[in-house]
């Protein structure tokens, strides 16, 4: 009888020890990570955000019929308002909006490899502070650290897409017609810089939304690395 009781006690003690070990593993998940691991986790999160953002904005009407619709700058609207009663340009604003937004959608489908390449080249010297910082800290870092380079690569893609949809020639014709109106301030017909900047703003906004989702929702952490890295944030 004593042997049986001793055996039961030993089994229970071993079970309790195992439960304690499991609990300790859960509590310390995300702890003891290296800066490299944290950097890799943040890069993975940003890559997911870029992929989702590019796919959504690159779909039909992804910009044009969404909250990310690219509008004309205020000075350009001076052109469209003046041309409302000019033959062939009565609906110039909506036509150019459709063209530039579809061009941005076309460019977004080609954006992912450009952005992913930039993310891979990022150095996360301050990886831990980014992880434990603001809810959009990684997106802010990506924006500040890589936007100029991304723009340099992305802008030619935008120009090609604008040409593909006839937006550049159409807008140039509209502005040149406007510039013939007496006493108006002459306008520059170039529009590609504005469209590229606004397209990038929309894409970064989508990345920020995905970063926030991964930070807040455990179910959105779709890999072991993401779960471990962002557990550190949760426990912090």
Protein backbone atom coordinates (compact mmCIF):
# COMPACT_ATOMS: atom_id res chain seq x y z
CA UNK A 1 0.00 0.00 0.00
CA UNK A 2 2.81 2.42 0.93
CA UNK A 3 4.52 1.63 -2.38
CA UNK A 4 1.32 2.42 -4.30
CA UNK A 5 0.86 5.74 -2.45
CA UNK A 6 4.49 6.64 -3.05
CA UNK A 7 4.10 5.85 -6.76
CA UNK A 8 0.96 8.03 -7.04
CA UNK A 9 2.75 10.85 -5.21
CA UNK A 10 5.73 10.58 -7.54
CA UNK A 11 3.52 10.66 -10.65
CA UNK A 12 1.59 13.69 -9.37
CA UNK A 13 4.81 15.49 -8.51
CA UNK A 14 6.18 14.85 -12.00
CA UNK A 15 2.93 16.08 -13.57
CA UNK A 16 2.99 19.27 -11.49
CA UNK A 17 6.61 19.89 -12.47
CA UNK A 18 5.74 19.48 -16.15
CA UNK A 19 2.80 21.88 -15.84
CA UNK A 20 5.06 24.43 -14.15
CA UNK A 21 7.57 24.08 -16.98
CA UNK A 22 4.84 24.61 -19.57
CA UNK A 23 3.50 27.62 -17.71
CA UNK A 24 6.97 29.07 -17.49
CA UNK A 25 7.46 28.58 -21.21
CA UNK A 26 4.20 30.43 -21.93
CA UNK A 27 5.09 33.30 -19.59
CA UNK A 28 8.55 33.72 -21.07
CA UNK A 29 7.46 33.42 -24.71
CA UNK A 30 8.90 36.37 -26.53
CA UNK A 31 11.62 36.87 -23.91
CA UNK A 32 15.30 36.35 -24.66
CA UNK A 33 14.90 37.14 -28.34
CA UNK A 34 17.89 38.53 -30.17
CA UNK A 35 17.76 41.82 -32.05
CA UNK A 36 18.12 39.81 -35.25
CA UNK A 37 15.05 37.72 -34.43
CA UNK A 38 13.03 40.81 -33.55
CA UNK A 39 14.19 42.48 -36.76
CA UNK A 40 13.21 39.41 -38.77
CA UNK A 41 9.79 39.37 -37.12
CA UNK A 42 9.18 43.03 -37.87
CA UNK A 43 10.32 42.55 -41.46
CA UNK A 44 7.95 39.62 -41.80
CA UNK A 45 5.08 41.73 -40.45
CA UNK A 46 5.89 44.54 -42.88
CA UNK A 47 6.21 42.11 -45.78
CA UNK A 48 2.75 40.71 -44.98
CA UNK A 49 1.41 44.24 -44.80
CA UNK A 50 2.96 45.13 -48.15
CA UNK A 51 1.63 41.95 -49.75
CA UNK A 52 -1.91 42.51 -48.47
CA UNK A 53 -1.82 46.21 -49.27
CA UNK A 54 -0.48 45.75 -52.80
CA UNK A 55 -3.01 43.00 -53.51
CA UNK A 56 -5.96 45.03 -52.26
CA UNK A 57 -4.98 48.34 -53.86
CA UNK A 58 -3.91 46.56 -57.04
CA UNK A 59 -7.33 45.00 -57.55
CA UNK A 60 -9.95 46.58 -59.83
CA UNK A 61 -11.03 49.91 -58.29
CA UNK A 62 -8.69 49.25 -55.35
CA UNK A 63 -7.87 52.95 -55.28
CA UNK A 64 -10.65 54.41 -57.37
CA UNK A 65 -13.59 53.15 -55.31
CA UNK A 66 -12.02 53.03 -51.86
CA UNK A 67 -11.03 55.31 -49.01
CA UNK A 68 -7.62 55.56 -50.72
CA UNK A 69 -8.95 57.20 -53.88
CA UNK A 70 -6.36 59.63 -55.25
CA UNK A 71 -7.80 63.10 -55.71
CA UNK A 72 -6.40 65.98 -57.71
CA UNK A 73 -4.33 68.64 -55.95
CA UNK A 74 -6.12 71.94 -55.37
CA UNK A 75 -4.28 73.77 -58.16
CA UNK A 76 -5.26 71.05 -60.64
CA UNK A 77 -8.91 71.54 -59.75
CA UNK A 78 -8.58 75.11 -60.99
CA UNK A 79 -7.94 73.58 -64.38
CA UNK A 80 -10.92 71.23 -64.28
CA UNK A 81 -13.34 73.89 -63.08
CA UNK A 82 -12.31 76.27 -65.87
CA UNK A 83 -12.69 73.56 -68.53
CA UNK A 84 -16.21 72.45 -67.60
CA UNK A 85 -17.75 74.40 -70.48
CA UNK A 86 -15.00 73.65 -73.00
CA UNK A 87 -15.88 71.03 -75.65
CA UNK A 88 -14.27 67.61 -75.03
CA UNK A 89 -13.31 68.56 -71.46
CA UNK A 90 -16.68 68.97 -69.75
CA UNK A 91 -16.13 65.92 -67.53
CA UNK A 92 -12.36 66.26 -67.35
CA UNK A 93 -12.02 65.89 -63.56
CA UNK A 94 -13.79 62.54 -63.27
CA UNK A 95 -12.07 61.21 -66.39
CA UNK A 96 -8.60 62.09 -65.11
CA UNK A 97 -9.42 60.75 -61.64
CA UNK A 98 -10.45 57.43 -63.14
CA UNK A 99 -7.31 57.28 -65.25
CA UNK A 100 -4.84 58.16 -62.48
CA UNK A 101 -6.46 55.81 -59.97
CA UNK A 102 -6.46 52.91 -62.40
CA UNK A 103 -2.83 53.73 -63.16
CA UNK A 104 -2.05 53.58 -59.42
CA UNK A 105 -3.83 50.22 -59.21
CA UNK A 106 -1.76 48.93 -62.10
CA UNK A 107 1.44 50.17 -60.43
CA UNK A 108 0.45 48.64 -57.08
CA UNK A 109 0.43 45.17 -58.64
CA UNK A 110 4.12 45.71 -59.45
CA UNK A 111 4.97 47.34 -56.13
CA UNK A 112 5.39 44.30 -53.90
CA UNK A 113 8.88 43.16 -55.07
CA UNK A 114 10.14 46.77 -54.91
CA UNK A 115 8.94 47.16 -51.33
CA UNK A 116 9.98 43.69 -50.20
CA UNK A 117 13.50 44.33 -51.52
CA UNK A 118 13.62 47.58 -49.53
CA UNK A 119 12.39 45.81 -46.39
CA UNK A 120 15.06 43.12 -46.70
CA UNK A 121 17.76 45.78 -46.89
CA UNK A 122 16.57 47.50 -43.73
CA UNK A 123 18.81 47.38 -40.70
CA UNK A 124 16.99 47.17 -37.40
CA UNK A 125 19.47 48.78 -35.04
CA UNK A 126 16.56 49.84 -32.87
CA UNK A 127 14.46 46.73 -33.42
CA UNK A 128 13.40 46.34 -29.78
CA UNK A 129 12.40 49.98 -29.38
CA UNK A 130 10.38 49.75 -32.61
CA UNK A 131 8.66 46.60 -31.38
CA UNK A 132 7.87 48.14 -28.00
CA UNK A 133 7.06 51.58 -29.45
CA UNK A 134 3.97 53.11 -31.00
CA UNK A 135 1.43 50.83 -32.67
CA UNK A 136 2.61 51.98 -36.09
CA UNK A 137 6.30 52.30 -35.22
CA UNK A 138 7.49 49.77 -37.80
CA UNK A 139 5.50 51.43 -40.59
CA UNK A 140 6.79 54.86 -39.56
CA UNK A 141 10.34 53.53 -39.61
CA UNK A 142 9.86 52.00 -43.05
CA UNK A 143 8.37 55.25 -44.33
CA UNK A 144 11.20 57.44 -43.01
CA UNK A 145 14.05 55.08 -43.81
CA UNK A 146 13.06 53.95 -47.29
CA UNK A 147 10.51 56.34 -48.80
CA UNK A 148 13.00 58.29 -50.94
CA UNK A 149 14.48 55.12 -52.39
CA UNK A 150 11.07 53.55 -52.86
CA UNK A 151 9.83 56.66 -54.65
CA UNK A 152 12.83 56.58 -57.00
CA UNK A 153 11.94 53.01 -57.99
CA UNK A 154 8.18 53.37 -57.84
CA UNK A 155 7.78 56.63 -59.77
CA UNK A 156 8.85 55.18 -63.15
CA UNK A 157 6.31 52.40 -62.62
CA UNK A 158 3.65 55.05 -62.04
CA UNK A 159 4.70 56.90 -65.20
CA UNK A 160 4.43 53.70 -67.24
CA UNK A 161 1.00 53.00 -65.79
CA UNK A 162 -0.17 56.57 -66.40
CA UNK A 163 0.94 56.20 -70.02
CA UNK A 164 -0.77 52.83 -70.25
CA UNK A 165 -4.11 54.43 -69.34
CA UNK A 166 -3.51 57.55 -71.42
CA UNK A 167 -3.58 59.76 -68.34
CA UNK A 168 -0.45 61.82 -69.09
CA UNK A 169 -1.46 62.78 -72.63
CA UNK A 170 -5.06 63.42 -71.61
CA UNK A 171 -4.03 65.69 -68.74
CA UNK A 172 -1.42 67.48 -70.85
CA UNK A 173 -4.10 68.23 -73.46
CA UNK A 174 -6.40 69.54 -70.74
CA UNK A 175 -3.74 71.76 -69.16
CA UNK A 176 -2.53 73.07 -72.52
CA UNK A 177 -6.13 73.97 -73.36
CA UNK A 178 -6.47 75.68 -69.98
CA UNK A 179 -3.23 77.62 -70.49
CA UNK A 180 -4.73 79.20 -73.64
CA UNK A 181 -7.50 80.81 -71.60
CA UNK A 182 -6.72 84.55 -71.25
CA UNK A 183 -5.44 85.84 -67.91
CA UNK A 184 -5.14 82.46 -66.18
CA UNK A 185 -2.01 81.48 -64.30
CA UNK A 186 -0.15 78.96 -66.43
CA UNK A 187 -0.10 75.41 -65.02
CA UNK A 188 2.48 72.64 -65.26
CA UNK A 189 0.91 69.63 -67.01
CA UNK A 190 3.05 67.08 -65.11
CA UNK A 191 1.03 64.96 -62.74
CA UNK A 192 3.16 61.86 -62.15
CA UNK A 193 4.87 63.13 -58.96
CA UNK A 194 1.54 63.82 -57.27
CA UNK A 195 0.10 60.44 -58.25
CA UNK A 196 3.23 58.56 -57.12
CA UNK A 197 3.27 60.28 -53.72
CA UNK A 198 -0.44 59.67 -53.15
CA UNK A 199 -0.16 56.05 -54.27
CA UNK A 200 2.68 55.53 -51.77
CA UNK A 201 0.62 57.20 -49.03
CA UNK A 202 -2.20 54.74 -49.66
CA UNK A 203 0.13 51.76 -49.61
CA UNK A 204 1.84 52.84 -46.38
CA UNK A 205 -1.59 53.37 -44.84
CA UNK A 206 -2.52 49.79 -45.70
CA UNK A 207 0.75 48.53 -44.20
CA UNK A 208 0.04 50.49 -41.03
CA UNK A 209 -3.41 48.92 -40.78
CA UNK A 210 -1.91 45.41 -41.09
CA UNK A 211 0.81 46.21 -38.54
CA UNK A 212 -1.85 47.31 -36.05
CA UNK A 213 -3.82 44.12 -36.73
CA UNK A 214 -0.77 41.92 -36.05
CA UNK A 215 0.03 43.87 -32.89
CA UNK A 216 -3.51 43.57 -31.53
CA UNK A 217 -4.74 40.19 -32.75
CA UNK A 218 -2.89 37.00 -31.89
CA UNK A 219 -4.78 35.14 -34.65
CA UNK A 220 -3.19 37.43 -37.25
CA UNK A 221 0.30 36.22 -36.30
CA UNK A 222 0.54 33.51 -38.89
CA UNK A 223 4.02 32.15 -38.14
CA UNK A 224 5.98 30.98 -35.10
CA UNK A 225 8.35 33.92 -35.50
CA UNK A 226 5.55 36.48 -35.49
CA UNK A 227 3.97 34.85 -32.43
CA UNK A 228 7.25 34.83 -30.51
CA UNK A 229 8.30 38.36 -31.45
CA UNK A 230 4.96 40.04 -30.77
CA UNK A 231 4.50 38.05 -27.57
CA UNK A 232 7.36 40.18 -26.27
CA UNK A 233 5.26 43.24 -27.03
CA UNK A 234 2.25 41.68 -25.28
CA UNK A 235 4.26 40.84 -22.19
CA UNK A 236 5.99 44.22 -22.16
